[in-house]
PDB file of all heavy atoms in Angstrom:
ATOM      1  N   CYS A   1       9.503   2.276 -21.298  1.00  0.00           N
ATOM      2  CA  CYS A   1       9.842   1.171 -22.210  1.00  0.00           C
ATOM      3  C   CYS A   1      10.408  -0.005 -21.435  1.00  0.00           C
ATOM      4  O   CYS A   1      10.049  -1.156 -21.677  1.00  0.00           O
ATOM      5  CB  CYS A   1      10.842   1.630 -23.260  1.00  0.00           C
ATOM      6  SG  CYS A   1      10.175   2.806 -24.445  1.00  0.00           S
ATOM      7  N   LEU A   2      11.301   0.284 -20.503  1.00  0.00           N
ATOM      8  CA  LEU A   2      11.902  -0.787 -19.709  1.00  0.00           C
ATOM      9  C   LEU A   2      10.860  -1.479 -18.848  1.00  0.00           C
ATOM     10  O   LEU A   2      10.885  -2.690 -18.682  1.00  0.00           O
ATOM     11  CB  LEU A   2      13.043  -0.238 -18.844  1.00  0.00           C
ATOM     12  CG  LEU A   2      14.279   0.225 -19.605  1.00  0.00           C
ATOM     13  CD1 LEU A   2      15.280   0.854 -18.649  1.00  0.00           C
ATOM     14  CD2 LEU A   2      14.906  -0.916 -20.367  1.00  0.00           C
ATOM     15  N   TYR A   3       9.929  -0.699 -18.307  1.00  0.00           N
ATOM     16  CA  TYR A   3       8.870  -1.301 -17.499  1.00  0.00           C
ATOM     17  C   TYR A   3       7.999  -2.205 -18.356  1.00  0.00           C
ATOM     18  O   TYR A   3       7.572  -3.270 -17.923  1.00  0.00           O
ATOM     19  CB  TYR A   3       8.014  -0.222 -16.834  1.00  0.00           C
ATOM     20  CG  TYR A   3       6.889  -0.796 -16.008  1.00  0.00           C
ATOM     21  CD1 TYR A   3       7.151  -1.363 -14.770  1.00  0.00           C
ATOM     22  CD2 TYR A   3       5.584  -0.794 -16.475  1.00  0.00           C
ATOM     23  CE1 TYR A   3       6.135  -1.909 -14.007  1.00  0.00           C
ATOM     24  CE2 TYR A   3       4.559  -1.330 -15.722  1.00  0.00           C
ATOM     25  CZ  TYR A   3       4.841  -1.881 -14.483  1.00  0.00           C
ATOM     26  OH  TYR A   3       3.825  -2.427 -13.735  1.00  0.00           O
ATOM     27  N   GLY A   4       7.789  -1.780 -19.589  1.00  0.00           N
ATOM     28  CA  GLY A   4       6.958  -2.570 -20.490  1.00  0.00           C
ATOM     29  C   GLY A   4       7.568  -3.897 -20.876  1.00  0.00           C
ATOM     30  O   GLY A   4       6.856  -4.843 -21.179  1.00  0.00           O
ATOM     31  N   VAL A   5       8.894  -3.982 -20.849  1.00  0.00           N
ATOM     32  CA  VAL A   5       9.535  -5.224 -21.247  1.00  0.00           C
ATOM     33  C   VAL A   5       9.949  -6.089 -20.063  1.00  0.00           C
ATOM     34  O   VAL A   5      10.509  -7.158 -20.269  1.00  0.00           O
ATOM     35  CB  VAL A   5      10.774  -4.979 -22.153  1.00  0.00           C
ATOM     36  CG1 VAL A   5      10.370  -4.334 -23.444  1.00  0.00           C
ATOM     37  CG2 VAL A   5      11.822  -4.168 -21.432  1.00  0.00           C
ATOM     38  N   THR A   6       9.679  -5.622 -18.844  1.00  0.00           N
ATOM     39  CA  THR A   6       9.990  -6.490 -17.701  1.00  0.00           C
ATOM     40  C   THR A   6       9.101  -7.714 -17.774  1.00  0.00           C
ATOM     41  O   THR A   6       7.964  -7.648 -18.234  1.00  0.00           O
ATOM     42  CB  THR A   6       9.773  -5.776 -16.355  1.00  0.00           C
ATOM     43  OG1 THR A   6       8.440  -5.294 -16.289  1.00  0.00           O
ATOM     44  CG2 THR A   6      10.754  -4.649 -16.145  1.00  0.00           C
ATOM     45  N   SER A   7       9.634  -8.805 -17.292  1.00  0.00           N
ATOM     46  CA  SER A   7       8.888 -10.061 -17.384  1.00  0.00           C
ATOM     47  C   SER A   7       7.640  -9.987 -16.523  1.00  0.00           C
ATOM     48  O   SER A   7       7.580  -9.259 -15.530  1.00  0.00           O
ATOM     49  CB  SER A   7       9.756 -11.230 -16.940  1.00  0.00           C
ATOM     50  OG  SER A   7      10.061 -11.106 -15.559  1.00  0.00           O
ATOM     51  N   CYS A   8       6.663 -10.751 -16.899  1.00  0.00           N
ATOM     52  CA  CYS A   8       5.380 -10.743 -16.201  1.00  0.00           C
ATOM     53  C   CYS A   8       5.543 -11.107 -14.728  1.00  0.00           C
ATOM     54  O   CYS A   8       4.999 -10.411 -13.873  1.00  0.00           O
ATOM     55  CB  CYS A   8       4.398 -11.667 -16.909  1.00  0.00           C
ATOM     56  SG  CYS A   8       2.715 -11.532 -16.312  1.00  0.00           S
ATOM     57  N   PRO A   9       6.272 -12.163 -14.369  1.00  0.00           N
ATOM     58  CA  PRO A   9       6.435 -12.472 -12.939  1.00  0.00           C
ATOM     59  C   PRO A   9       7.140 -11.363 -12.169  1.00  0.00           C
ATOM     60  O   PRO A   9       6.770 -11.053 -11.039  1.00  0.00           O
ATOM     61  CB  PRO A   9       7.280 -13.746 -12.943  1.00  0.00           C
ATOM     62  CG  PRO A   9       7.059 -14.360 -14.271  1.00  0.00           C
ATOM     63  CD  PRO A   9       6.824 -13.211 -15.215  1.00  0.00           C
ATOM     64  N   GLU A  10       8.137 -10.750 -12.804  1.00  0.00           N
ATOM     65  CA  GLU A  10       8.847  -9.663 -12.141  1.00  0.00           C
ATOM     66  C   GLU A  10       7.924  -8.468 -11.918  1.00  0.00           C
ATOM     67  O   GLU A  10       7.903  -7.857 -10.851  1.00  0.00           O
ATOM     68  CB  GLU A  10      10.042  -9.238 -12.996  1.00  0.00           C
ATOM     69  CG  GLU A  10      10.906  -8.177 -12.352  1.00  0.00           C
ATOM     70  CD  GLU A  10      12.083  -7.810 -13.233  1.00  0.00           C
ATOM     71  OE1 GLU A  10      12.510  -8.641 -14.049  1.00  0.00           O
ATOM     72  OE2 GLU A  10      12.568  -6.682 -13.085  1.00  0.00           O
ATOM     73  N   ARG A  11       7.122  -8.136 -12.909  1.00  0.00           N
ATOM     74  CA  ARG A  11       6.173  -7.023 -12.796  1.00  0.00           C
ATOM     75  C   ARG A  11       5.133  -7.334 -11.725  1.00  0.00           C
ATOM     76  O   ARG A  11       4.776  -6.467 -10.930  1.00  0.00           O
ATOM     77  CB  ARG A  11       5.491  -6.783 -14.143  1.00  0.00           C
ATOM     78  CG  ARG A  11       4.700  -5.492 -14.170  1.00  0.00           C
ATOM     79  CD  ARG A  11       4.067  -5.195 -15.503  1.00  0.00           C
ATOM     80  NE  ARG A  11       4.980  -5.390 -16.618  1.00  0.00           N
ATOM     81  CZ  ARG A  11       4.608  -5.847 -17.795  1.00  0.00           C
ATOM     82  NH1 ARG A  11       3.359  -6.161 -18.023  1.00  0.00           N
ATOM     83  NH2 ARG A  11       5.475  -5.998 -18.774  1.00  0.00           N
ATOM     84  N   GLN A  12       4.648  -8.579 -11.692  1.00  0.00           N
ATOM     85  CA  GLN A  12       3.673  -8.967 -10.675  1.00  0.00           C
ATOM     86  C   GLN A  12       4.275  -8.860  -9.284  1.00  0.00           C
ATOM     87  O   GLN A  12       3.612  -8.426  -8.346  1.00  0.00           O
ATOM     88  CB  GLN A  12       3.179 -10.397 -10.929  1.00  0.00           C
ATOM     89  CG  GLN A  12       2.255 -10.516 -12.113  1.00  0.00           C
ATOM     90  CD  GLN A  12       1.879 -11.953 -12.419  1.00  0.00           C
ATOM     91  OE1 GLN A  12       2.523 -12.885 -11.952  1.00  0.00           O
ATOM     92  NE2 GLN A  12       0.834 -12.128 -13.219  1.00  0.00           N
ATOM     93  N   ARG A  13       5.546  -9.236  -9.144  1.00  0.00           N
ATOM     94  CA  ARG A  13       6.216  -9.152  -7.855  1.00  0.00           C
ATOM     95  C   ARG A  13       6.333  -7.690  -7.411  1.00  0.00           C
ATOM     96  O   ARG A  13       6.055  -7.358  -6.261  1.00  0.00           O
ATOM     97  CB  ARG A  13       7.604  -9.790  -7.932  1.00  0.00           C
ATOM     98  CG  ARG A  13       8.328  -9.854  -6.593  1.00  0.00           C
ATOM     99  CD  ARG A  13       9.666 -10.580  -6.674  1.00  0.00           C
ATOM    100  NE  ARG A  13      10.460 -10.330  -7.856  1.00  0.00           N
ATOM    101  CZ  ARG A  13      11.232  -9.242  -8.036  1.00  0.00           C
ATOM    102  NH1 ARG A  13      11.298  -8.318  -7.122  1.00  0.00           N
ATOM    103  NH2 ARG A  13      11.930  -9.106  -9.150  1.00  0.00           N
ATOM    104  N   GLN A  14       6.683  -6.812  -8.342  1.00  0.00           N
ATOM    105  CA  GLN A  14       6.782  -5.389  -8.024  1.00  0.00           C
ATOM    106  C   GLN A  14       5.423  -4.828  -7.617  1.00  0.00           C
ATOM    107  O   GLN A  14       5.316  -4.060  -6.664  1.00  0.00           O
ATOM    108  CB  GLN A  14       7.329  -4.613  -9.217  1.00  0.00           C
ATOM    109  CG  GLN A  14       8.784  -4.869  -9.503  1.00  0.00           C
ATOM    110  CD  GLN A  14       9.238  -4.200 -10.802  1.00  0.00           C
ATOM    111  OE1 GLN A  14       8.424  -3.721 -11.585  1.00  0.00           O
ATOM    112  NE2 GLN A  14      10.548  -4.195 -11.019  1.00  0.00           N
ATOM    113  N   GLU A  15       4.384  -5.204  -8.355  1.00  0.00           N
ATOM    114  CA  GLU A  15       3.044  -4.720  -8.045  1.00  0.00           C
ATOM    115  C   GLU A  15       2.568  -5.259  -6.703  1.00  0.00           C
ATOM    116  O   GLU A  15       1.896  -4.556  -5.949  1.00  0.00           O
ATOM    117  CB  GLU A  15       2.079  -5.107  -9.163  1.00  0.00           C
ATOM    118  CG  GLU A  15       2.308  -4.333 -10.448  1.00  0.00           C
ATOM    119  CD  GLU A  15       1.491  -4.853 -11.616  1.00  0.00           C
ATOM    120  OE1 GLU A  15       0.784  -5.878 -11.465  1.00  0.00           O
ATOM    121  OE2 GLU A  15       1.568  -4.238 -12.692  1.00  0.00           O
ATOM    122  N   LEU A  16       2.907  -6.504  -6.378  1.00  0.00           N
ATOM    123  CA  LEU A  16       2.537  -7.098  -5.098  1.00  0.00           C
ATOM    124  C   LEU A  16       3.223  -6.365  -3.954  1.00  0.00           C
ATOM    125  O   LEU A  16       2.587  -6.063  -2.933  1.00  0.00           O
ATOM    126  CB  LEU A  16       2.903  -8.585  -5.076  1.00  0.00           C
ATOM    127  CG  LEU A  16       2.534  -9.359  -3.817  1.00  0.00           C
ATOM    128  CD1 LEU A  16       1.018  -9.357  -3.625  1.00  0.00           C
ATOM    129  CD2 LEU A  16       3.053 -10.784  -3.890  1.00  0.00           C
ATOM    130  N   GLN A  17       4.505  -6.055  -4.116  1.00  0.00           N
ATOM    131  CA  GLN A  17       5.222  -5.306  -3.087  1.00  0.00           C
ATOM    132  C   GLN A  17       4.603  -3.928  -2.888  1.00  0.00           C
ATOM    133  O   GLN A  17       4.416  -3.472  -1.763  1.00  0.00           O
ATOM    134  CB  GLN A  17       6.705  -5.166  -3.453  1.00  0.00           C
ATOM    135  CG  GLN A  17       7.492  -6.439  -3.328  1.00  0.00           C
ATOM    136  CD  GLN A  17       8.918  -6.278  -3.836  1.00  0.00           C
ATOM    137  OE1 GLN A  17       9.245  -5.297  -4.497  1.00  0.00           O
ATOM    138  NE2 GLN A  17       9.759  -7.253  -3.519  1.00  0.00           N
ATOM    139  N   GLN A  18       4.261  -3.278  -3.985  1.00  0.00           N
ATOM    140  CA  GLN A  18       3.640  -1.958  -3.895  1.00  0.00           C
ATOM    141  C   GLN A  18       2.277  -2.058  -3.229  1.00  0.00           C
ATOM    142  O   GLN A  18       1.912  -1.228  -2.403  1.00  0.00           O
ATOM    143  CB  GLN A  18       3.512  -1.332  -5.293  1.00  0.00           C
ATOM    144  CG  GLN A  18       2.927   0.062  -5.286  1.00  0.00           C
ATOM    145  CD  GLN A  18       3.816   1.054  -4.567  1.00  0.00           C
ATOM    146  OE1 GLN A  18       5.028   1.015  -4.700  1.00  0.00           O
ATOM    147  NE2 GLN A  18       3.220   1.934  -3.791  1.00  0.00           N
ATOM    148  N   SER A  19       1.519  -3.091  -3.568  1.00  0.00           N
ATOM    149  CA  SER A  19       0.205  -3.293  -2.969  1.00  0.00           C
ATOM    150  C   SER A  19       0.315  -3.518  -1.463  1.00  0.00           C
ATOM    151  O   SER A  19      -0.466  -2.958  -0.689  1.00  0.00           O
ATOM    152  CB  SER A  19      -0.482  -4.492  -3.631  1.00  0.00           C
ATOM    153  OG  SER A  19      -1.706  -4.771  -3.008  1.00  0.00           O
ATOM    154  N   LYS A  20       1.289  -4.317  -1.037  1.00  0.00           N
ATOM    155  CA  LYS A  20       1.491  -4.556   0.389  1.00  0.00           C
ATOM    156  C   LYS A  20       1.844  -3.261   1.113  1.00  0.00           C
ATOM    157  O   LYS A  20       1.331  -2.991   2.198  1.00  0.00           O
ATOM    158  CB  LYS A  20       2.591  -5.602   0.610  1.00  0.00           C
ATOM    159  CG  LYS A  20       2.162  -7.012   0.321  1.00  0.00           C
ATOM    160  CD  LYS A  20       3.301  -7.994   0.588  1.00  0.00           C
ATOM    161  CE  LYS A  20       2.897  -9.422   0.275  1.00  0.00           C
ATOM    162  NZ  LYS A  20       4.000 -10.365   0.538  1.00  0.00           N
ATOM    163  N   ALA A  21       2.725  -2.481   0.513  1.00  0.00           N
ATOM    164  CA  ALA A  21       3.116  -1.206   1.122  1.00  0.00           C
ATOM    165  C   ALA A  21       1.917  -0.268   1.222  1.00  0.00           C
ATOM    166  O   ALA A  21       1.729   0.404   2.246  1.00  0.00           O
ATOM    167  CB  ALA A  21       4.236  -0.563   0.318  1.00  0.00           C
ATOM    168  N   ASP A  22       1.082  -0.250   0.176  1.00  0.00           N
ATOM    169  CA  ASP A  22      -0.105   0.601   0.188  1.00  0.00           C
ATOM    170  C   ASP A  22      -1.087   0.161   1.273  1.00  0.00           C
ATOM    171  O   ASP A  22      -1.649   0.993   1.990  1.00  0.00           O
ATOM    172  CB  ASP A  22      -0.797   0.578  -1.179  1.00  0.00           C
ATOM    173  CG  ASP A  22       0.012   1.282  -2.255  1.00  0.00           C
ATOM    174  OD1 ASP A  22       0.951   2.031  -1.913  1.00  0.00           O
ATOM    175  OD2 ASP A  22      -0.293   1.064  -3.445  1.00  0.00           O
ATOM    176  N   LYS A  23      -1.304  -1.157   1.395  1.00  0.00           N
ATOM    177  CA  LYS A  23      -2.225  -1.670   2.410  1.00  0.00           C
ATOM    178  C   LYS A  23      -1.727  -1.342   3.811  1.00  0.00           C
ATOM    179  O   LYS A  23      -2.523  -0.982   4.693  1.00  0.00           O
ATOM    180  CB  LYS A  23      -2.410  -3.180   2.251  1.00  0.00           C
ATOM    181  CG  LYS A  23      -3.264  -3.558   1.068  1.00  0.00           C
ATOM    182  CD  LYS A  23      -3.383  -5.068   0.925  1.00  0.00           C
ATOM    183  CE  LYS A  23      -4.167  -5.441  -0.327  1.00  0.00           C
ATOM    184  NZ  LYS A  23      -4.240  -6.892  -0.499  1.00  0.00           N
ATOM    185  N   LYS A  24      -0.422  -1.467   4.029  1.00  0.00           N
ATOM    186  CA  LYS A  24       0.153  -1.152   5.337  1.00  0.00           C
ATOM    187  C   LYS A  24      -0.076   0.323   5.668  1.00  0.00           C
ATOM    188  O   LYS A  24      -0.464   0.669   6.790  1.00  0.00           O
ATOM    189  CB  LYS A  24       1.646  -1.476   5.338  1.00  0.00           C
ATOM    190  CG  LYS A  24       2.316  -1.282   6.671  1.00  0.00           C
ATOM    191  CD  LYS A  24       3.781  -1.693   6.610  1.00  0.00           C
ATOM    192  CE  LYS A  24       4.447  -1.503   7.968  1.00  0.00           C
ATOM    193  NZ  LYS A  24       5.861  -1.893   7.918  1.00  0.00           N
ATOM    194  N   ARG A  25       0.147   1.182   4.687  1.00  0.00           N
ATOM    195  CA  ARG A  25      -0.053   2.622   4.895  1.00  0.00           C
ATOM    196  C   ARG A  25      -1.520   2.920   5.177  1.00  0.00           C
ATOM    197  O   ARG A  25      -1.837   3.739   6.047  1.00  0.00           O
ATOM    198  CB  ARG A  25       0.423   3.385   3.649  1.00  0.00           C
ATOM    199  CG  ARG A  25       0.234   4.859   3.722  1.00  0.00           C
ATOM    200  CD  ARG A  25       1.204   5.494   4.666  1.00  0.00           C
ATOM    201  NE  ARG A  25       1.022   6.938   4.631  1.00  0.00           N
ATOM    202  CZ  ARG A  25       1.125   7.716   5.676  1.00  0.00           C
ATOM    203  NH1 ARG A  25       1.470   7.219   6.844  1.00  0.00           N
ATOM    204  NH2 ARG A  25       0.922   8.996   5.562  1.00  0.00           N
ATOM    205  N   VAL A  26      -2.433   2.271   4.487  1.00  0.00           N
ATOM    206  CA  VAL A  26      -3.871   2.476   4.716  1.00  0.00           C
ATOM    207  C   VAL A  26      -4.235   2.056   6.140  1.00  0.00           C
ATOM    208  O   VAL A  26      -4.980   2.755   6.833  1.00  0.00           O
ATOM    209  CB  VAL A  26      -4.709   1.706   3.661  1.00  0.00           C
ATOM    210  CG1 VAL A  26      -6.162   1.630   4.068  1.00  0.00           C
ATOM    211  CG2 VAL A  26      -4.576   2.362   2.302  1.00  0.00           C
ATOM    212  N   ARG A  27      -3.710   0.897   6.588  1.00  0.00           N
ATOM    213  CA  ARG A  27      -3.993   0.451   7.963  1.00  0.00           C
ATOM    214  C   ARG A  27      -3.483   1.454   8.983  1.00  0.00           C
ATOM    215  O   ARG A  27      -4.171   1.759   9.968  1.00  0.00           O
ATOM    216  CB  ARG A  27      -3.357  -0.924   8.211  1.00  0.00           C
ATOM    217  CG  ARG A  27      -4.160  -2.084   7.648  1.00  0.00           C
ATOM    218  CD  ARG A  27      -3.704  -3.431   8.207  1.00  0.00           C
ATOM    219  NE  ARG A  27      -2.287  -3.695   8.008  1.00  0.00           N
ATOM    220  CZ  ARG A  27      -1.762  -4.258   6.922  1.00  0.00           C
ATOM    221  NH1 ARG A  27      -2.554  -4.624   5.927  1.00  0.00           N
ATOM    222  NH2 ARG A  27      -0.461  -4.466   6.824  1.00  0.00           N
ATOM    223  N   GLN A  28      -2.286   1.992   8.762  1.00  0.00           N
ATOM    224  CA  GLN A  28      -1.744   2.989   9.675  1.00  0.00           C
ATOM    225  C   GLN A  28      -2.619   4.239   9.716  1.00  0.00           C
ATOM    226  O   GLN A  28      -2.899   4.771  10.793  1.00  0.00           O
ATOM    227  CB  GLN A  28      -0.315   3.376   9.266  1.00  0.00           C
ATOM    228  CG  GLN A  28       0.721   2.323   9.506  1.00  0.00           C
ATOM    229  CD  GLN A  28       2.077   2.714   8.915  1.00  0.00           C
ATOM    230  OE1 GLN A  28       2.170   3.600   8.071  1.00  0.00           O
ATOM    231  NE2 GLN A  28       3.120   2.027   9.378  1.00  0.00           N
ATOM    232  N   LEU A  29      -3.042   4.693   8.557  1.00  0.00           N
ATOM    233  CA  LEU A  29      -3.885   5.888   8.496  1.00  0.00           C
ATOM    234  C   LEU A  29      -5.241   5.658   9.149  1.00  0.00           C
ATOM    235  O   LEU A  29      -5.765   6.538   9.837  1.00  0.00           O
ATOM    236  CB  LEU A  29      -4.044   6.339   7.041  1.00  0.00           C
ATOM    237  CG  LEU A  29      -2.790   6.906   6.386  1.00  0.00           C
ATOM    238  CD1 LEU A  29      -3.033   7.132   4.899  1.00  0.00           C
ATOM    239  CD2 LEU A  29      -2.350   8.182   7.054  1.00  0.00           C
ATOM    240  N   GLU A  30      -5.826   4.456   8.933  1.00  0.00           N
ATOM    241  CA  GLU A  30      -7.107   4.148   9.560  1.00  0.00           C
ATOM    242  C   GLU A  30      -6.969   4.086  11.078  1.00  0.00           C
ATOM    243  O   GLU A  30      -7.845   4.561  11.808  1.00  0.00           O
ATOM    244  CB  GLU A  30      -7.659   2.826   9.019  1.00  0.00           C
ATOM    245  CG  GLU A  30      -8.190   2.936   7.602  1.00  0.00           C
ATOM    246  CD  GLU A  30      -8.599   1.603   7.016  1.00  0.00           C
ATOM    247  OE1 GLU A  30      -8.201   0.542   7.562  1.00  0.00           O
ATOM    248  OE2 GLU A  30      -9.314   1.613   5.992  1.00  0.00           O
ATOM    249  N   LYS A  31      -5.874   3.512  11.574  1.00  0.00           N
ATOM    250  CA  LYS A  31      -5.631   3.433  13.018  1.00  0.00           C
ATOM    251  C   LYS A  31      -5.508   4.847  13.598  1.00  0.00           C
ATOM    252  O   LYS A  31      -6.095   5.152  14.647  1.00  0.00           O
ATOM    253  CB  LYS A  31      -4.348   2.629  13.275  1.00  0.00           C
ATOM    254  CG  LYS A  31      -4.033   2.421  14.729  1.00  0.00           C
ATOM    255  CD  LYS A  31      -2.766   1.579  14.880  1.00  0.00           C
ATOM    256  CE  LYS A  31      -2.394   1.411  16.340  1.00  0.00           C
ATOM    257  NZ  LYS A  31      -1.148   0.614  16.471  1.00  0.00           N
ATOM    258  N   GLU A  32      -4.767   5.699  12.920  1.00  0.00           N
ATOM    259  CA  GLU A  32      -4.611   7.076  13.379  1.00  0.00           C
ATOM    260  C   GLU A  32      -5.943   7.819  13.354  1.00  0.00           C
ATOM    261  O   GLU A  32      -6.263   8.577  14.278  1.00  0.00           O
ATOM    262  CB  GLU A  32      -3.586   7.790  12.491  1.00  0.00           C
ATOM    263  CG  GLU A  32      -3.243   9.176  12.958  1.00  0.00           C
ATOM    264  CD  GLU A  32      -2.192   9.831  12.080  1.00  0.00           C
ATOM    265  OE1 GLU A  32      -1.473   9.121  11.354  1.00  0.00           O
ATOM    266  OE2 GLU A  32      -2.097  11.065  12.132  1.00  0.00           O
ATOM    267  N   LEU A  33      -6.753   7.577  12.329  1.00  0.00           N
ATOM    268  CA  LEU A  33      -8.058   8.208  12.227  1.00  0.00           C
ATOM    269  C   LEU A  33      -8.971   7.772  13.368  1.00  0.00           C
ATOM    270  O   LEU A  33      -9.669   8.601  13.975  1.00  0.00           O
ATOM    271  CB  LEU A  33      -8.698   7.871  10.874  1.00  0.00           C
ATOM    272  CG  LEU A  33     -10.059   8.502  10.597  1.00  0.00           C
ATOM    273  CD1 LEU A  33      -9.951  10.017  10.591  1.00  0.00           C
ATOM    274  CD2 LEU A  33     -10.623   7.987   9.279  1.00  0.00           C
ATOM    275  N   ARG A  34      -8.974   6.468  13.696  1.00  0.00           N
ATOM    276  CA  ARG A  34      -9.792   5.983  14.819  1.00  0.00           C
ATOM    277  C   ARG A  34      -9.364   6.624  16.132  1.00  0.00           C
ATOM    278  O   ARG A  34     -10.189   7.030  16.945  1.00  0.00           O
ATOM    279  CB  ARG A  34      -9.703   4.458  14.915  1.00  0.00           C
ATOM    280  CG  ARG A  34     -10.542   3.714  13.893  1.00  0.00           C
ATOM    281  CD  ARG A  34     -10.643   2.222  14.206  1.00  0.00           C
ATOM    282  NE  ARG A  34      -9.348   1.561  14.231  1.00  0.00           N
ATOM    283  CZ  ARG A  34      -8.749   1.036  13.160  1.00  0.00           C
ATOM    284  NH1 ARG A  34      -9.339   1.117  11.986  1.00  0.00           N
ATOM    285  NH2 ARG A  34      -7.586   0.440  13.268  1.00  0.00           N
ATOM    286  N   ARG A  35      -8.037   6.732  16.337  1.00  0.00           N
ATOM    287  CA  ARG A  35      -7.526   7.354  17.559  1.00  0.00           C
ATOM    288  C   ARG A  35      -7.965   8.813  17.655  1.00  0.00           C
ATOM    289  O   ARG A  35      -8.428   9.279  18.691  1.00  0.00           O
ATOM    290  CB  ARG A  35      -5.997   7.263  17.585  1.00  0.00           C
ATOM    291  CG  ARG A  35      -5.366   7.817  18.864  1.00  0.00           C
ATOM    292  CD  ARG A  35      -3.845   7.828  18.781  1.00  0.00           C
ATOM    293  NE  ARG A  35      -3.312   8.636  17.702  1.00  0.00           N
ATOM    294  CZ  ARG A  35      -3.197   9.973  17.730  1.00  0.00           C
ATOM    295  NH1 ARG A  35      -3.609  10.650  18.775  1.00  0.00           N
ATOM    296  NH2 ARG A  35      -2.683  10.614  16.710  1.00  0.00           N
ATOM    297  N   LYS A  36      -7.883   9.518  16.565  1.00  0.00           N
ATOM    298  CA  LYS A  36      -8.279  10.927  16.563  1.00  0.00           C
ATOM    299  C   LYS A  36      -9.785  11.087  16.737  1.00  0.00           C
ATOM    300  O   LYS A  36     -10.254  12.026  17.395  1.00  0.00           O
ATOM    301  CB  LYS A  36      -7.804  11.616  15.284  1.00  0.00           C
ATOM    302  CG  LYS A  36      -6.294  11.809  15.274  1.00  0.00           C
ATOM    303  CD  LYS A  36      -5.823  12.519  14.039  1.00  0.00           C
ATOM    304  CE  LYS A  36      -4.322  12.736  14.083  1.00  0.00           C
ATOM    305  NZ  LYS A  36      -3.831  13.465  12.927  1.00  0.00           N
ATOM    306  N   ASP A  37     -10.566  10.180  16.141  1.00  0.00           N
ATOM    307  CA  ASP A  37     -12.021  10.215  16.326  1.00  0.00           C
ATOM    308  C   ASP A  37     -12.379  10.023  17.795  1.00  0.00           C
ATOM    309  O   ASP A  37     -13.262  10.709  18.322  1.00  0.00           O
ATOM    310  CB  ASP A  37     -12.707   9.140  15.477  1.00  0.00           C
ATOM    311  CG  ASP A  37     -12.871   9.567  14.030  1.00  0.00           C
ATOM    312  OD1 ASP A  37     -12.724  10.773  13.747  1.00  0.00           O
ATOM    313  OD2 ASP A  37     -13.144   8.679  13.188  1.00  0.00           O
ATOM    314  N   LYS A  38     -11.711   9.073  18.463  1.00  0.00           N
ATOM    315  CA  LYS A  38     -11.965   8.831  19.883  1.00  0.00           C
ATOM    316  C   LYS A  38     -11.603  10.056  20.713  1.00  0.00           C
ATOM    317  O   LYS A  38     -12.338  10.443  21.623  1.00  0.00           O
ATOM    318  CB  LYS A  38     -11.179   7.613  20.369  1.00  0.00           C
ATOM    319  CG  LYS A  38     -11.717   6.295  19.871  1.00  0.00           C
ATOM    320  CD  LYS A  38     -10.847   5.146  20.363  1.00  0.00           C
ATOM    321  CE  LYS A  38     -11.315   3.818  19.794  1.00  0.00           C
ATOM    322  NZ  LYS A  38     -10.442   2.706  20.212  1.00  0.00           N
ATOM    323  N   ALA A  39     -10.469  10.670  20.422  1.00  0.00           N
ATOM    324  CA  ALA A  39     -10.048  11.861  21.157  1.00  0.00           C
ATOM    325  C   ALA A  39     -11.031  13.003  20.943  1.00  0.00           C
ATOM    326  O   ALA A  39     -11.382  13.720  21.891  1.00  0.00           O
ATOM    327  CB  ALA A  39      -8.650  12.273  20.725  1.00  0.00           C
ATOM    328  N   LEU A  40     -11.517  13.164  19.728  1.00  0.00           N
ATOM    329  CA  LEU A  40     -12.486  14.211  19.431  1.00  0.00           C
ATOM    330  C   LEU A  40     -13.802  13.942  20.150  1.00  0.00           C
ATOM    331  O   LEU A  40     -14.415  14.863  20.715  1.00  0.00           O
ATOM    332  CB  LEU A  40     -12.715  14.310  17.917  1.00  0.00           C
ATOM    333  CG  LEU A  40     -13.646  15.407  17.439  1.00  0.00           C
ATOM    334  CD1 LEU A  40     -13.085  16.763  17.806  1.00  0.00           C
ATOM    335  CD2 LEU A  40     -13.843  15.314  15.936  1.00  0.00           C
ATOM    336  N   ALA A  41     -14.255  12.699  20.156  1.00  0.00           N
ATOM    337  CA  ALA A  41     -15.500  12.356  20.853  1.00  0.00           C
ATOM    338  C   ALA A  41     -15.355  12.607  22.345  1.00  0.00           C
ATOM    339  O   ALA A  41     -16.279  13.108  22.996  1.00  0.00           O
ATOM    340  CB  ALA A  41     -15.857  10.893  20.577  1.00  0.00           C
TER     341      ALA A  41
END
C-alpha cells in the first residue's frame, strides 16, 4: 500500500537506482563469464 502511494518521481528514482544496480551486476557477471570462458578454452 505504501509503495502504491509513493509519488511518481520518487518511485521512478527508486526504480532507476534498482535498474543501475541490476545493470552493474549483469556487467560483473558477464565479465566473470568471459574470464571463465577464456580459461576453459
